[in-house]
Amino acid sequence: MRRKADLPVKICAQCARPMVWRKKWERTWETVKYCSERCRRDAKKTVSKP
């Protein structure tokens, strides 16, 4: 069993908060960019604005 401190960490591309690996992201950890659905939506809004 791993300790929480030993899990991989990434920084969210939108809010710059650290996010810790989750079992839910086990298969897609390499492609995870955002910590939440809200950050993903907000990132799309800022890119599409002129």
Protein backbone atom coordinates (compact mmCIF):
# COMPACT_ATOMS: atom_id res chain seq x y z
CA MET A 1 0.00 0.00 0.00
CA ARG A 2 1.25 3.46 -0.89
CA ARG A 3 1.19 6.45 1.36
CA LYS A 4 -0.50 9.58 0.06
CA ALA A 5 2.79 11.44 0.19
CA ASP A 6 4.30 8.90 -2.24
CA LEU A 7 1.68 9.41 -4.98
CA PRO A 8 2.57 11.39 -8.14
CA VAL A 9 1.57 15.06 -8.27
CA LYS A 10 0.77 17.36 -11.21
CA ILE A 11 -0.07 21.06 -11.41
CA CYS A 12 -3.44 22.03 -12.90
CA ALA A 13 -3.03 23.93 -16.18
CA GLN A 14 -5.84 26.36 -15.32
CA CYS A 15 -5.68 27.13 -11.58
CA ALA A 16 -2.05 26.07 -10.87
CA ARG A 17 -3.05 24.00 -7.83
CA PRO A 18 -1.34 20.69 -7.18
CA MET A 19 -3.40 17.58 -7.85
CA VAL A 20 -2.54 14.14 -6.50
CA TRP A 21 -2.97 10.93 -8.49
CA ARG A 22 -6.37 9.29 -8.12
CA LYS A 23 -7.48 5.75 -8.83
CA LYS A 24 -10.04 7.25 -11.23
CA TRP A 25 -7.15 8.61 -13.37
CA GLU A 26 -5.15 5.37 -13.33
CA ARG A 27 -5.40 4.73 -17.09
CA THR A 28 -5.26 8.37 -18.23
CA TRP A 29 -2.81 9.97 -15.79
CA GLU A 30 -0.46 10.98 -18.63
CA THR A 31 -3.19 13.03 -20.34
CA VAL A 32 -4.77 14.63 -17.25
CA LYS A 33 -4.32 18.44 -17.39
CA TYR A 34 -7.04 19.85 -15.15
CA CYS A 35 -7.98 19.13 -11.55
CA SER A 36 -11.72 19.46 -12.10
CA GLU A 37 -14.48 19.80 -14.65
CA ARG A 38 -14.76 23.48 -13.76
CA CYS A 39 -11.11 24.14 -14.63
CA ARG A 40 -11.52 22.27 -17.92
CA ARG A 41 -14.57 24.39 -18.86
CA ASP A 42 -12.89 27.64 -17.85
CA ALA A 43 -9.82 26.80 -19.93
CA LYS A 44 -12.00 26.38 -23.02
CA LYS A 45 -13.66 29.77 -22.37
CA THR A 46 -10.35 31.63 -22.15
CA VAL A 47 -8.99 30.05 -25.34
CA SER A 48 -12.05 30.83 -27.47
CA LYS A 49 -12.31 34.51 -26.48
CA PRO A 50 -10.80 36.94 -29.05
